[in-house]
Amino acid sequence: MSIIFGLILIVVGTLIVMKTEWLMQNFGRVEWFEKNLGAEGGSRLGYKLMGIVAIFAGMLFLTGLMGGFMTWAVSPLTRVRQ
């Protein structure tokens, strides 16, 4: 099941990266992206970053490494100091 989900995420992420202009025409600009990622073209960059994150997550699901990655990413927040 995780293989199928990973492949779907990779395909969706690839489509988001390839069809950024279509997303801009149909969904418009995202104000947060424009404000925080640059003046002109911030939304395009934001859409592409979302696609790249989806591809990365899909590869993690596909290889079965999502649990290990999440453990590594969250471990500084859950570390108990004595």
PDB file of N, CA and C in Angstrom:
ATOM      1  N   MET A   1       0.816  -1.195   0.000  1.00  0.00           N
ATOM      2  CA  MET A   1       0.000   0.000   0.000  1.00  0.00           C
ATOM      3  C   MET A   1       0.862   1.262   0.000  1.00  0.00           C
ATOM      4  N   SER A   2       1.960   1.235   0.752  1.00  0.00           N
ATOM      5  CA  SER A   2       2.814   2.421   0.799  1.00  0.00           C
ATOM      6  C   SER A   2       3.517   2.652  -0.540  1.00  0.00           C
ATOM      7  N   ILE A   3       3.746   1.583  -1.296  1.00  0.00           N
ATOM      8  CA  ILE A   3       4.360   1.739  -2.615  1.00  0.00           C
ATOM      9  C   ILE A   3       3.421   2.499  -3.542  1.00  0.00           C
ATOM     10  N   ILE A   4       2.150   2.126  -3.526  1.00  0.00           N
ATOM     11  CA  ILE A   4       1.167   2.803  -4.378  1.00  0.00           C
ATOM     12  C   ILE A   4       1.019   4.264  -3.956  1.00  0.00           C
ATOM     13  N   PHE A   5       0.912   4.498  -2.652  1.00  0.00           N
ATOM     14  CA  PHE A   5       0.781   5.868  -2.150  1.00  0.00           C
ATOM     15  C   PHE A   5       2.010   6.696  -2.512  1.00  0.00           C
ATOM     16  N   GLY A   6       3.189   6.103  -2.405  1.00  0.00           N
ATOM     17  CA  GLY A   6       4.415   6.806  -2.770  1.00  0.00           C
ATOM     18  C   GLY A   6       4.453   7.167  -4.243  1.00  0.00           C
ATOM     19  N   LEU A   7       4.038   6.236  -5.104  1.00  0.00           N
ATOM     20  CA  LEU A   7       4.005   6.518  -6.541  1.00  0.00           C
ATOM     21  C   LEU A   7       3.008   7.623  -6.868  1.00  0.00           C
ATOM     22  N   ILE A   8       1.853   7.593  -6.209  1.00  0.00           N
ATOM     23  CA  ILE A   8       0.847   8.637  -6.439  1.00  0.00           C
ATOM     24  C   ILE A   8       1.401  10.004  -6.029  1.00  0.00           C
ATOM     25  N   LEU A   9       2.068  10.063  -4.882  1.00  0.00           N
ATOM     26  CA  LEU A   9       2.652  11.336  -4.431  1.00  0.00           C
ATOM     27  C   LEU A   9       3.726  11.836  -5.394  1.00  0.00           C
ATOM     28  N   ILE A  10       4.529  10.935  -5.913  1.00  0.00           N
ATOM     29  CA  ILE A  10       5.568  11.330  -6.864  1.00  0.00           C
ATOM     30  C   ILE A  10       4.942  11.893  -8.134  1.00  0.00           C
ATOM     31  N   VAL A  11       3.902  11.236  -8.640  1.00  0.00           N
ATOM     32  CA  VAL A  11       3.234  11.716  -9.855  1.00  0.00           C
ATOM     33  C   VAL A  11       2.577  13.074  -9.614  1.00  0.00           C
ATOM     34  N   VAL A  12       1.878  13.213  -8.488  1.00  0.00           N
ATOM     35  CA  VAL A  12       1.219  14.489  -8.176  1.00  0.00           C
ATOM     36  C   VAL A  12       2.257  15.601  -8.009  1.00  0.00           C
ATOM     37  N   GLY A  13       3.338  15.318  -7.319  1.00  0.00           N
ATOM     38  CA  GLY A  13       4.387  16.320  -7.146  1.00  0.00           C
ATOM     39  C   GLY A  13       5.020  16.728  -8.464  1.00  0.00           C
ATOM     40  N   THR A  14       5.235  15.759  -9.342  1.00  0.00           N
ATOM     41  CA  THR A  14       5.798  16.061 -10.658  1.00  0.00           C
ATOM     42  C   THR A  14       4.849  16.939 -11.461  1.00  0.00           C
ATOM     43  N   LEU A  15       3.558  16.626 -11.406  1.00  0.00           N
ATOM     44  CA  LEU A  15       2.576  17.449 -12.119  1.00  0.00           C
ATOM     45  C   LEU A  15       2.520  18.866 -11.559  1.00  0.00           C
ATOM     46  N   ILE A  16       2.626  19.005 -10.249  1.00  0.00           N
ATOM     47  CA  ILE A  16       2.617  20.344  -9.644  1.00  0.00           C
ATOM     48  C   ILE A  16       3.818  21.154 -10.129  1.00  0.00           C
ATOM     49  N   VAL A  17       4.982  20.519 -10.190  1.00  0.00           N
ATOM     50  CA  VAL A  17       6.184  21.230 -10.636  1.00  0.00           C
ATOM     51  C   VAL A  17       6.089  21.579 -12.121  1.00  0.00           C
ATOM     52  N   MET A  18       5.578  20.654 -12.926  1.00  0.00           N
ATOM     53  CA  MET A  18       5.513  20.881 -14.368  1.00  0.00           C
ATOM     54  C   MET A  18       4.415  21.860 -14.766  1.00  0.00           C
ATOM     55  N   LYS A  19       3.309  21.857 -14.063  1.00  0.00           N
ATOM     56  CA  LYS A  19       2.142  22.661 -14.447  1.00  0.00           C
ATOM     57  C   LYS A  19       1.922  23.843 -13.501  1.00  0.00           C
ATOM     58  N   THR A  20       2.984  24.484 -13.090  1.00  0.00           N
ATOM     59  CA  THR A  20       2.879  25.612 -12.170  1.00  0.00           C
ATOM     60  C   THR A  20       2.079  26.760 -12.778  1.00  0.00           C
ATOM     61  N   GLU A  21       2.296  27.032 -14.056  1.00  0.00           N
ATOM     62  CA  GLU A  21       1.574  28.132 -14.704  1.00  0.00           C
ATOM     63  C   GLU A  21       0.078  27.852 -14.755  1.00  0.00           C
ATOM     64  N   TRP A  22      -0.308  26.609 -14.996  1.00  0.00           N
ATOM     65  CA  TRP A  22      -1.725  26.232 -14.988  1.00  0.00           C
ATOM     66  C   TRP A  22      -2.325  26.450 -13.602  1.00  0.00           C
ATOM     67  N   LEU A  23      -1.576  26.083 -12.563  1.00  0.00           N
ATOM     68  CA  LEU A  23      -2.045  26.316 -11.197  1.00  0.00           C
ATOM     69  C   LEU A  23      -2.221  27.809 -10.928  1.00  0.00           C
ATOM     70  N   MET A  24      -1.289  28.618 -11.426  1.00  0.00           N
ATOM     71  CA  MET A  24      -1.394  30.067 -11.241  1.00  0.00           C
ATOM     72  C   MET A  24      -2.638  30.623 -11.921  1.00  0.00           C
ATOM     73  N   GLN A  25      -2.941  30.143 -13.126  1.00  0.00           N
ATOM     74  CA  GLN A  25      -4.099  30.646 -13.857  1.00  0.00           C
ATOM     75  C   GLN A  25      -5.407  30.221 -13.206  1.00  0.00           C
ATOM     76  N   ASN A  26      -5.459  29.024 -12.646  1.00  0.00           N
ATOM     77  CA  ASN A  26      -6.708  28.508 -12.099  1.00  0.00           C
ATOM     78  C   ASN A  26      -6.927  28.836 -10.626  1.00  0.00           C
ATOM     79  N   PHE A  27      -5.869  28.899  -9.845  1.00  0.00           N
ATOM     80  CA  PHE A  27      -6.011  29.151  -8.414  1.00  0.00           C
ATOM     81  C   PHE A  27      -5.507  30.527  -7.995  1.00  0.00           C
ATOM     82  N   GLY A  28      -4.763  31.183  -8.863  1.00  0.00           N
ATOM     83  CA  GLY A  28      -4.298  32.531  -8.569  1.00  0.00           C
ATOM     84  C   GLY A  28      -3.084  32.555  -7.653  1.00  0.00           C
ATOM     85  N   ARG A  29      -2.751  33.754  -7.267  1.00  0.00           N
ATOM     86  CA  ARG A  29      -1.594  33.955  -6.402  1.00  0.00           C
ATOM     87  C   ARG A  29      -1.959  33.653  -4.955  1.00  0.00           C
ATOM     88  N   VAL A  30      -0.966  33.184  -4.222  1.00  0.00           N
ATOM     89  CA  VAL A  30      -1.131  32.942  -2.792  1.00  0.00           C
ATOM     90  C   VAL A  30      -0.396  34.076  -2.078  1.00  0.00           C
ATOM     91  N   GLU A  31      -1.135  34.848  -1.324  1.00  0.00           N
ATOM     92  CA  GLU A  31      -0.581  36.053  -0.704  1.00  0.00           C
ATOM     93  C   GLU A  31       0.597  35.735   0.219  1.00  0.00           C
ATOM     94  N   TRP A  32       0.507  34.640   0.965  1.00  0.00           N
ATOM     95  CA  TRP A  32       1.589  34.273   1.876  1.00  0.00           C
ATOM     96  C   TRP A  32       2.868  33.993   1.099  1.00  0.00           C
ATOM     97  N   PHE A  33       2.753  33.276  -0.027  1.00  0.00           N
ATOM     98  CA  PHE A  33       3.931  33.004  -0.856  1.00  0.00           C
ATOM     99  C   PHE A  33       4.510  34.300  -1.408  1.00  0.00           C
ATOM    100  N   GLU A  34       3.652  35.191  -1.886  1.00  0.00           N
ATOM    101  CA  GLU A  34       4.124  36.456  -2.452  1.00  0.00           C
ATOM    102  C   GLU A  34       4.850  37.290  -1.400  1.00  0.00           C
ATOM    103  N   LYS A  35       4.332  37.286  -0.187  1.00  0.00           N
ATOM    104  CA  LYS A  35       4.914  38.096   0.885  1.00  0.00           C
ATOM    105  C   LYS A  35       6.240  37.520   1.374  1.00  0.00           C
ATOM    106  N   ASN A  36       6.324  36.207   1.523  1.00  0.00           N
ATOM    107  CA  ASN A  36       7.479  35.589   2.176  1.00  0.00           C
ATOM    108  C   ASN A  36       8.509  34.980   1.233  1.00  0.00           C
ATOM    109  N   LEU A  37       8.156  34.748  -0.031  1.00  0.00           N
ATOM    110  CA  LEU A  37       9.097  34.097  -0.946  1.00  0.00           C
ATOM    111  C   LEU A  37       9.594  35.015  -2.054  1.00  0.00           C
ATOM    112  N   GLY A  38       9.332  36.277  -1.970  1.00  0.00           N
ATOM    113  CA  GLY A  38       9.797  37.202  -2.996  1.00  0.00           C
ATOM    114  C   GLY A  38       8.648  37.993  -3.576  1.00  0.00           C
ATOM    115  N   ALA A  39       8.972  39.113  -4.201  1.00  0.00           N
ATOM    116  CA  ALA A  39       7.938  40.029  -4.688  1.00  0.00           C
ATOM    117  C   ALA A  39       7.168  39.437  -5.863  1.00  0.00           C
ATOM    118  N   GLU A  40       7.786  39.324  -7.012  1.00  0.00           N
ATOM    119  CA  GLU A  40       7.104  38.800  -8.193  1.00  0.00           C
ATOM    120  C   GLU A  40       7.562  37.365  -8.414  1.00  0.00           C
ATOM    121  N   GLY A  41       6.640  36.461  -8.523  1.00  0.00           N
ATOM    122  CA  GLY A  41       6.983  35.067  -8.740  1.00  0.00           C
ATOM    123  C   GLY A  41       7.043  34.242  -7.475  1.00  0.00           C
ATOM    124  N   GLY A  42       6.659  34.803  -6.355  1.00  0.00           N
ATOM    125  CA  GLY A  42       6.680  34.054  -5.105  1.00  0.00           C
ATOM    126  C   GLY A  42       5.707  32.897  -5.106  1.00  0.00           C
ATOM    127  N   SER A  43       4.554  33.089  -5.754  1.00  0.00           N
ATOM    128  CA  SER A  43       3.569  32.009  -5.815  1.00  0.00           C
ATOM    129  C   SER A  43       4.072  30.858  -6.675  1.00  0.00           C
ATOM    130  N   ARG A  44       4.727  31.190  -7.778  1.00  0.00           N
ATOM    131  CA  ARG A  44       5.284  30.132  -8.634  1.00  0.00           C
ATOM    132  C   ARG A  44       6.317  29.314  -7.858  1.00  0.00           C
ATOM    133  N   LEU A  45       7.189  30.010  -7.153  1.00  0.00           N
ATOM    134  CA  LEU A  45       8.194  29.325  -6.342  1.00  0.00           C
ATOM    135  C   LEU A  45       7.531  28.479  -5.266  1.00  0.00           C
ATOM    136  N   GLY A  46       6.485  29.008  -4.635  1.00  0.00           N
ATOM    137  CA  GLY A  46       5.775  28.262  -3.600  1.00  0.00           C
ATOM    138  C   GLY A  46       5.136  26.997  -4.139  1.00  0.00           C
ATOM    139  N   TYR A  47       4.486  27.098  -5.316  1.00  0.00           N
ATOM    140  CA  TYR A  47       3.893  25.909  -5.927  1.00  0.00           C
ATOM    141  C   TYR A  47       4.966  24.872  -6.253  1.00  0.00           C
ATOM    142  N   LYS A  48       6.093  25.321  -6.780  1.00  0.00           N
ATOM    143  CA  LYS A  48       7.173  24.385  -7.112  1.00  0.00           C
ATOM    144  C   LYS A  48       7.754  23.735  -5.854  1.00  0.00           C
ATOM    145  N   LEU A  49       7.907  24.504  -4.783  1.00  0.00           N
ATOM    146  CA  LEU A  49       8.403  23.928  -3.531  1.00  0.00           C
ATOM    147  C   LEU A  49       7.435  22.889  -2.975  1.00  0.00           C
ATOM    148  N   MET A  50       6.125  23.162  -3.081  1.00  0.00           N
ATOM    149  CA  MET A  50       5.137  22.170  -2.636  1.00  0.00           C
ATOM    150  C   MET A  50       5.262  20.889  -3.450  1.00  0.00           C
ATOM    151  N   GLY A  51       5.484  21.013  -4.755  1.00  0.00           N
ATOM    152  CA  GLY A  51       5.661  19.839  -5.598  1.00  0.00           C
ATOM    153  C   GLY A  51       6.909  19.052  -5.239  1.00  0.00           C
ATOM    154  N   ILE A  52       7.998  19.754  -4.962  1.00  0.00           N
ATOM    155  CA  ILE A  52       9.243  19.079  -4.590  1.00  0.00           C
ATOM    156  C   ILE A  52       9.090  18.360  -3.258  1.00  0.00           C
ATOM    157  N   VAL A  53       8.391  18.977  -2.306  1.00  0.00           N
ATOM    158  CA  VAL A  53       8.139  18.323  -1.016  1.00  0.00           C
ATOM    159  C   VAL A  53       7.279  17.078  -1.218  1.00  0.00           C
ATOM    160  N   ALA A  54       6.288  17.148  -2.111  1.00  0.00           N
ATOM    161  CA  ALA A  54       5.450  15.980  -2.391  1.00  0.00           C
ATOM    162  C   ALA A  54       6.271  14.855  -3.018  1.00  0.00           C
ATOM    163  N   ILE A  55       7.175  15.195  -3.926  1.00  0.00           N
ATOM    164  CA  ILE A  55       8.042  14.180  -4.537  1.00  0.00           C
ATOM    165  C   ILE A  55       8.936  13.541  -3.476  1.00  0.00           C
ATOM    166  N   PHE A  56       9.523  14.357  -2.608  1.00  0.00           N
ATOM    167  CA  PHE A  56      10.388  13.843  -1.542  1.00  0.00           C
ATOM    168  C   PHE A  56       9.613  12.917  -0.608  1.00  0.00           C
ATOM    169  N   ALA A  57       8.410  13.338  -0.203  1.00  0.00           N
ATOM    170  CA  ALA A  57       7.587  12.496   0.673  1.00  0.00           C
ATOM    171  C   ALA A  57       7.197  11.205  -0.037  1.00  0.00           C
ATOM    172  N   GLY A  58       6.893  11.286  -1.323  1.00  0.00           N
ATOM    173  CA  GLY A  58       6.562  10.086  -2.084  1.00  0.00           C
ATOM    174  C   GLY A  58       7.719   9.106  -2.133  1.00  0.00           C
ATOM    175  N   MET A  59       8.929   9.616  -2.295  1.00  0.00           N
ATOM    176  CA  MET A  59      10.099   8.731  -2.303  1.00  0.00           C
ATOM    177  C   MET A  59      10.310   8.087  -0.939  1.00  0.00           C
ATOM    178  N   LEU A  60      10.058   8.848   0.127  1.00  0.00           N
ATOM    179  CA  LEU A  60      10.190   8.272   1.466  1.00  0.00           C
ATOM    180  C   LEU A  60       9.156   7.174   1.685  1.00  0.00           C
ATOM    181  N   PHE A  61       7.904   7.402   1.268  1.00  0.00           N
ATOM    182  CA  PHE A  61       6.880   6.365   1.391  1.00  0.00           C
ATOM    183  C   PHE A  61       7.228   5.153   0.536  1.00  0.00           C
ATOM    184  N   LEU A  62       7.708   5.396  -0.678  1.00  0.00           N
ATOM    185  CA  LEU A  62       8.026   4.320  -1.611  1.00  0.00           C
ATOM    186  C   LEU A  62       9.114   3.407  -1.064  1.00  0.00           C
ATOM    187  N   THR A  63      10.105   3.981  -0.411  1.00  0.00           N
ATOM    188  CA  THR A  63      11.214   3.188   0.116  1.00  0.00           C
ATOM    189  C   THR A  63      10.993   2.719   1.548  1.00  0.00           C
ATOM    190  N   GLY A  64       9.903   3.164   2.170  1.00  0.00           N
ATOM    191  CA  GLY A  64       9.614   2.746   3.538  1.00  0.00           C
ATOM    192  C   GLY A  64      10.424   3.479   4.592  1.00  0.00           C
ATOM    193  N   LEU A  65      10.939   4.640   4.250  1.00  0.00           N
ATOM    194  CA  LEU A  65      11.787   5.391   5.177  1.00  0.00           C
ATOM    195  C   LEU A  65      11.077   6.554   5.852  1.00  0.00           C
ATOM    196  N   MET A  66       9.775   6.697   5.639  1.00  0.00           N
ATOM    197  CA  MET A  66       9.052   7.838   6.204  1.00  0.00           C
ATOM    198  C   MET A  66       9.099   7.830   7.730  1.00  0.00           C
ATOM    199  N   GLY A  67       8.910   6.685   8.351  1.00  0.00           N
ATOM    200  CA  GLY A  67       8.940   6.608   9.811  1.00  0.00           C
ATOM    201  C   GLY A  67      10.285   7.007  10.379  1.00  0.00           C
ATOM    202  N   GLY A  68      11.353   6.502   9.783  1.00  0.00           N
ATOM    203  CA  GLY A  68      12.693   6.849  10.237  1.00  0.00           C
ATOM    204  C   GLY A  68      13.013   8.316  10.035  1.00  0.00           C
ATOM    205  N   PHE A  69      12.580   8.867   8.909  1.00  0.00           N
ATOM    206  CA  PHE A  69      12.818  10.287   8.650  1.00  0.00           C
ATOM    207  C   PHE A  69      12.062  11.153   9.646  1.00  0.00           C
ATOM    208  N   MET A  70      10.805  10.815   9.908  1.00  0.00           N
ATOM    209  CA  MET A  70      10.017  11.610  10.853  1.00  0.00           C
ATOM    210  C   MET A  70      10.593  11.509  12.266  1.00  0.00           C
ATOM    211  N   THR A  71      11.077  10.321  12.638  1.00  0.00           N
ATOM    212  CA  THR A  71      11.717  10.163  13.942  1.00  0.00           C
ATOM    213  C   THR A  71      12.948  11.054  14.037  1.00  0.00           C
ATOM    214  N   TRP A  72      13.753  11.066  12.970  1.00  0.00           N
ATOM    215  CA  TRP A  72      14.947  11.903  12.954  1.00  0.00           C
ATOM    216  C   TRP A  72      14.581  13.383  12.992  1.00  0.00           C
ATOM    217  N   ALA A  73      13.564  13.791  12.217  1.00  0.00           N
ATOM    218  CA  ALA A  73      13.201  15.205  12.114  1.00  0.00           C
ATOM    219  C   ALA A  73      12.604  15.750  13.408  1.00  0.00           C
ATOM    220  N   VAL A  74      11.887  14.910  14.147  1.00  0.00           N
ATOM    221  CA  VAL A  74      11.194  15.369  15.353  1.00  0.00           C
ATOM    222  C   VAL A  74      12.020  15.105  16.614  1.00  0.00           C
ATOM    223  N   SER A  75      13.079  14.323  16.510  1.00  0.00           N
ATOM    224  CA  SER A  75      13.844  13.940  17.697  1.00  0.00           C
ATOM    225  C   SER A  75      14.391  15.126  18.500  1.00  0.00           C
ATOM    226  N   PRO A  76      14.833  16.224  17.891  1.00  0.00           N
ATOM    227  CA  PRO A  76      15.283  17.344  18.740  1.00  0.00           C
ATOM    228  C   PRO A  76      14.159  17.945  19.582  1.00  0.00           C
ATOM    229  N   LEU A  77      12.935  17.828  19.133  1.00  0.00           N
ATOM    230  CA  LEU A  77      11.808  18.388  19.883  1.00  0.00           C
ATOM    231  C   LEU A  77      11.356  17.478  21.012  1.00  0.00           C
ATOM    232  N   THR A  78      11.639  16.181  20.891  1.00  0.00           N
ATOM    233  CA  THR A  78      11.159  15.221  21.883  1.00  0.00           C
ATOM    234  C   THR A  78      12.256  14.734  22.814  1.00  0.00           C
ATOM    235  N   ARG A  79      13.453  15.275  22.686  1.00  0.00           N
ATOM    236  CA  ARG A  79      14.570  14.848  23.516  1.00  0.00           C
ATOM    237  C   ARG A  79      14.332  15.290  24.958  1.00  0.00           C
ATOM    238  N   VAL A  80      14.545  14.375  25.885  1.00  0.00           N
ATOM    239  CA  VAL A  80      14.360  14.672  27.304  1.00  0.00           C
ATOM    240  C   VAL A  80      15.717  15.012  27.896  1.00  0.00           C
ATOM    241  N   ARG A  81      15.802  16.167  28.528  1.00  0.00           N
ATOM    242  CA  ARG A  81      17.055  16.575  29.169  1.00  0.00           C
ATOM    243  C   ARG A  81      16.983  16.260  30.644  1.00  0.00           C
ATOM    244  N   GLN A  82      18.107  15.790  31.180  1.00  0.00           N
ATOM    245  CA  GLN A  82      18.147  15.425  32.601  1.00  0.00           C
ATOM    246  C   GLN A  82      19.065  16.335  33.363  1.00  0.00           C
TER     247      GLN A  82
END
